């Protein structure tokens, strides 16, 4: 696979192990032992994915992620010994695309990295090209381009994939575990990942995230994406949005 990955990990042995497994898959990688070094490398080179540890000296992984997300929507996979739900929720909320707990299986981590790279490299021409309008948002399902009133709306890759999944399945009641399987490519996992990404997505596309009119919660089941009719159109987006 022709791709390059930036590994930000202060444990040289772990970083070397990840790099070795990626090399076996034909994936190039660079290693940064600090978040500051990672920011310098990412500013100098365009990487296809970042593997990020949270427990870093000086600037930690959360701070790196906040800064990095202002620069690019490149996929980020957190690999951390922090295994509390709050750490995962915060990491995903700040823009990470995946969260892997330490200790981890190098083969499983490599497979998940490969899956993220494959999704982010899918040519737009292979997708069903269709532009869907909802409220002041439009989405080109083929190119995975989202616009608000004609202006591009930048989103991390995973949010784009989730929104496209919802739009393609509009009007259908979707179980949380099915969403996780179809979008994240896993049969089993922490389904709170879906809720975190839905929350982030609502903040981007809903006029009022507290009272969503597109992504509806179906309690005890999951979610349903709706495009309101003219008679029940969403309220206009407030100035704060």
Protein backbone atom coordinates (compact mmCIF):
# COMPACT_ATOMS: atom_id res chain seq x y z
CA UNK A 1 0.00 0.00 0.00
CA UNK A 2 1.50 3.35 -1.07
CA UNK A 3 1.01 5.44 2.07
CA UNK A 4 2.98 7.24 4.75
CA UNK A 5 2.25 7.28 8.49
CA UNK A 6 3.55 9.52 11.26
CA UNK A 7 4.04 7.70 14.57
CA UNK A 8 4.10 9.99 17.62
CA UNK A 9 5.22 7.83 20.53
CA UNK A 10 7.75 8.57 23.28
CA UNK A 11 8.59 4.89 23.81
CA UNK A 12 11.15 4.15 21.12
CA UNK A 13 10.62 0.37 21.33
CA UNK A 14 6.85 0.67 20.78
CA UNK A 15 7.36 3.17 17.95
CA UNK A 16 9.89 0.87 16.27
CA UNK A 17 7.52 -2.11 16.64
CA UNK A 18 4.67 -0.24 14.94
CA UNK A 19 7.00 0.97 12.19
CA UNK A 20 8.27 -2.57 11.59
CA UNK A 21 4.76 -3.97 11.14
CA UNK A 22 3.81 -1.09 8.85
CA UNK A 23 6.94 -1.66 6.77
CA UNK A 24 5.92 -5.31 6.30
CA UNK A 25 2.69 -3.95 4.75
CA UNK A 26 4.61 -1.63 2.45
CA UNK A 27 3.63 1.46 4.46
CA UNK A 28 6.31 4.09 5.03
CA UNK A 29 6.55 5.71 8.46
CA UNK A 30 8.38 8.40 10.40
CA UNK A 31 8.74 8.51 14.18
CA UNK A 32 8.44 11.53 16.47
CA UNK A 33 9.20 11.07 20.18
CA UNK A 34 7.39 14.27 21.18
CA UNK A 35 4.24 16.08 20.09
CA UNK A 36 6.33 19.13 19.19
CA UNK A 37 8.47 17.05 16.84
CA UNK A 38 5.31 15.52 15.41
CA UNK A 39 3.91 18.95 14.57
CA UNK A 40 7.16 19.90 12.85
CA UNK A 41 7.17 16.74 10.76
CA UNK A 42 3.48 17.04 9.85
CA UNK A 43 4.02 20.65 8.76
CA UNK A 44 6.93 19.63 6.54
CA UNK A 45 5.39 16.47 5.01
CA UNK A 46 1.90 15.33 4.04
CA UNK A 47 1.11 12.11 5.90
CA UNK A 48 -1.84 9.85 5.17
CA UNK A 49 -2.41 8.94 8.84
CA UNK A 50 -1.07 9.70 12.31
CA UNK A 51 -0.63 7.18 15.14
CA UNK A 52 -0.75 9.18 18.36
CA UNK A 53 0.15 8.34 21.96
CA UNK A 54 -1.52 10.47 24.65
CA UNK A 55 1.12 10.29 27.40
CA UNK A 56 3.79 12.48 25.84
CA UNK A 57 6.34 14.77 27.56
CA UNK A 58 5.53 18.49 27.65
CA UNK A 59 2.69 18.81 25.09
CA UNK A 60 0.44 15.77 25.49
CA UNK A 61 -1.56 13.96 22.83
CA UNK A 62 -4.74 15.93 23.46
CA UNK A 63 -2.94 19.24 22.91
CA UNK A 64 -1.33 17.88 19.76
CA UNK A 65 -4.72 16.74 18.45
CA UNK A 66 -6.31 20.14 19.02
CA UNK A 67 -3.50 21.87 17.14
CA UNK A 68 -3.32 19.24 14.40
CA UNK A 69 -7.06 19.37 13.71
CA UNK A 70 -6.79 23.09 12.96
CA UNK A 71 -4.30 22.18 10.23
CA UNK A 72 -5.73 19.09 8.54
CA UNK A 73 -8.39 16.36 8.61
CA UNK A 74 -5.81 13.56 8.19
CA UNK A 75 -6.99 10.41 10.03
CA UNK A 76 -5.63 10.03 13.58
CA UNK A 77 -5.50 6.73 15.47
CA UNK A 78 -4.85 7.12 19.20
CA UNK A 79 -2.84 4.32 20.82
CA UNK A 80 -2.81 4.80 24.57
CA UNK A 81 -2.57 3.09 27.95
CA UNK A 82 -5.36 5.39 29.15
CA UNK A 83 -8.38 3.13 29.03
CA UNK A 84 -11.06 5.12 30.84
CA UNK A 85 -14.21 5.91 28.85
CA UNK A 86 -13.56 9.61 29.45
CA UNK A 87 -10.19 9.40 27.69
CA UNK A 88 -11.72 7.74 24.65
CA UNK A 89 -14.64 10.18 24.54
CA UNK A 90 -12.33 13.18 24.85
CA UNK A 91 -9.94 11.87 22.20
CA UNK A 92 -12.73 11.16 19.72
CA UNK A 93 -14.39 14.45 20.61
CA UNK A 94 -11.21 16.35 19.73
CA UNK A 95 -11.13 14.75 16.29
CA UNK A 96 -9.46 11.35 16.53
CA UNK A 97 -10.80 8.69 14.17
CA UNK A 98 -10.02 5.63 16.28
CA UNK A 99 -8.81 4.66 19.76
CA UNK A 100 -6.68 1.57 20.49
CA UNK A 101 -5.79 0.56 24.03
CA UNK A 102 -2.32 -0.54 25.15
CA UNK A 103 -1.19 -3.25 25.31
CA UNK A 104 -2.26 -3.92 21.75
CA UNK A 105 -1.75 -6.56 19.11
CA UNK A 106 0.58 -5.09 16.43
CA UNK A 107 -1.22 -7.12 13.77
CA UNK A 108 -4.63 -5.80 14.82
CA UNK A 109 -3.35 -2.22 15.00
CA UNK A 110 -1.82 -2.57 11.54
CA UNK A 111 -5.09 -3.93 10.18
CA UNK A 112 -7.02 -0.99 11.60
CA UNK A 113 -4.49 1.48 10.18
CA UNK A 114 -4.73 -0.23 6.81
CA UNK A 115 -8.54 0.00 6.93
CA UNK A 116 -8.42 3.75 7.63
CA UNK A 117 -5.92 4.27 4.82
CA UNK A 118 -8.04 2.24 2.41
CA UNK A 119 -11.14 4.32 3.17
CA UNK A 120 -9.33 7.63 2.88
CA UNK A 121 -7.78 6.56 -0.46
CA UNK A 122 -11.02 5.37 -2.08
CA UNK A 123 -11.32 7.20 -5.42
CA UNK A 124 -14.38 9.39 -5.68
CA UNK A 125 -15.19 7.98 -9.12
CA UNK A 126 -15.85 4.59 -7.54
CA UNK A 127 -18.65 5.99 -5.42
CA UNK A 128 -22.24 6.66 -6.41
CA UNK A 129 -22.19 10.34 -7.41
CA UNK A 130 -25.24 12.04 -6.01
CA UNK A 131 -25.71 15.46 -4.40
CA UNK A 132 -28.19 15.60 -1.52
CA UNK A 133 -29.46 18.87 -0.03
CA UNK A 134 -30.70 19.16 3.56
CA UNK A 135 -31.28 22.56 5.10
CA UNK A 136 -28.38 24.82 4.13
CA UNK A 137 -26.09 21.80 3.77
CA UNK A 138 -25.33 19.89 0.56
CA UNK A 139 -23.32 16.69 0.25
CA UNK A 140 -21.78 15.16 -2.84
CA UNK A 141 -21.86 11.46 -1.99
CA UNK A 142 -19.41 10.61 -4.75
CA UNK A 143 -16.69 13.13 -3.93
CA UNK A 144 -17.52 13.20 -0.19
CA UNK A 145 -17.69 16.99 -0.29
CA UNK A 146 -19.90 18.86 2.17
CA UNK A 147 -20.85 22.50 1.68
CA UNK A 148 -22.86 25.00 3.68
CA UNK A 149 -24.47 27.65 1.51
CA UNK A 150 -21.90 26.91 -1.19
CA UNK A 151 -18.88 27.13 1.09
CA UNK A 152 -16.81 23.97 1.82
CA UNK A 153 -17.32 22.52 5.28
CA UNK A 154 -14.15 20.79 6.49
CA UNK A 155 -14.63 17.53 8.43
CA UNK A 156 -12.41 14.69 9.64
CA UNK A 157 -12.60 11.60 7.43
CA UNK A 158 -14.61 9.53 9.87
CA UNK A 159 -17.28 12.21 10.25
CA UNK A 160 -17.57 12.42 6.46
CA UNK A 161 -17.98 8.66 6.23
CA UNK A 162 -20.60 8.64 8.99
CA UNK A 163 -22.57 11.48 7.41
CA UNK A 164 -22.45 9.79 4.00
CA UNK A 165 -23.69 6.57 5.62
CA UNK A 166 -26.59 8.40 7.23
CA UNK A 167 -27.50 10.24 4.03
CA UNK A 168 -27.41 7.07 1.93
CA UNK A 169 -29.66 5.35 4.48
CA UNK A 170 -31.96 8.31 5.09
CA UNK A 171 -35.33 7.40 6.51
CA UNK A 172 -34.04 4.06 7.82
CA UNK A 173 -33.84 3.21 11.54
CA UNK A 174 -30.21 2.21 12.08
CA UNK A 175 -29.04 0.22 15.08
CA UNK A 176 -25.95 1.57 16.82
CA UNK A 177 -24.09 -1.72 16.48
CA UNK A 178 -24.90 -1.86 12.76
CA UNK A 179 -23.56 1.67 12.27
CA UNK A 180 -20.36 0.70 14.08
CA UNK A 181 -19.96 -2.40 11.93
CA UNK A 182 -20.65 -0.64 8.62
CA UNK A 183 -18.71 2.59 9.23
CA UNK A 184 -15.87 1.42 11.46
CA UNK A 185 -15.59 -2.01 9.89
CA UNK A 186 -15.78 -3.89 13.19
CA UNK A 187 -18.36 -6.38 14.42
CA UNK A 188 -17.52 -5.82 18.08
CA UNK A 189 -16.22 -2.76 19.88
CA UNK A 190 -17.11 0.22 22.03
CA UNK A 191 -20.34 1.56 20.57
CA UNK A 192 -19.92 4.85 22.45
CA UNK A 193 -17.68 5.75 19.51
CA UNK A 194 -20.82 6.15 17.41
CA UNK A 195 -22.50 8.44 19.95
CA UNK A 196 -19.39 10.63 20.19
CA UNK A 197 -19.17 11.06 16.43
CA UNK A 198 -22.90 11.74 16.14
CA UNK A 199 -22.54 14.47 18.74
CA UNK A 200 -19.66 16.04 16.80
CA UNK A 201 -21.57 15.74 13.53
CA UNK A 202 -24.66 17.42 14.97
CA UNK A 203 -22.55 20.39 16.05
CA UNK A 204 -21.41 20.80 12.45
CA UNK A 205 -24.64 20.35 10.51
CA UNK A 206 -27.61 20.94 12.81
CA UNK A 207 -29.03 24.49 13.21
CA UNK A 208 -29.65 23.55 16.86
CA UNK A 209 -27.60 20.51 17.99
CA UNK A 210 -29.70 20.25 21.17
CA UNK A 211 -32.83 19.74 19.05
CA UNK A 212 -31.58 17.93 15.93
CA UNK A 213 -33.80 17.87 12.89
CA UNK A 214 -31.57 15.70 10.67
CA UNK A 215 -29.96 13.04 12.87
CA UNK A 216 -32.77 11.77 15.08
CA UNK A 217 -32.15 9.55 18.11
CA UNK A 218 -34.29 6.43 18.31
CA UNK A 219 -34.05 5.52 21.98
CA UNK A 220 -33.03 1.95 22.65
CA UNK A 221 -32.18 1.39 18.98
CA UNK A 222 -29.90 3.98 17.41
CA UNK A 223 -30.46 6.78 14.89
CA UNK A 224 -32.40 7.78 11.80
CA UNK A 225 -31.39 10.46 9.31
CA UNK A 226 -34.29 12.58 8.09
CA UNK A 227 -34.59 15.35 5.55
CA UNK A 228 -37.55 17.45 6.75
CA UNK A 229 -40.29 18.39 4.33
CA UNK A 230 -40.91 22.05 3.62
CA UNK A 231 -43.79 22.06 6.09
CA UNK A 232 -41.56 20.93 8.91
CA UNK A 233 -38.32 22.58 7.83
CA UNK A 234 -35.51 23.10 10.32
CA UNK A 235 -35.19 26.50 11.98
CA UNK A 236 -32.68 28.88 10.47
CA UNK A 237 -29.15 28.55 11.72
CA UNK A 238 -28.40 31.04 14.46
CA UNK A 239 -25.60 33.51 14.21
CA UNK A 240 -23.66 31.56 16.80
CA UNK A 241 -23.48 28.56 14.43
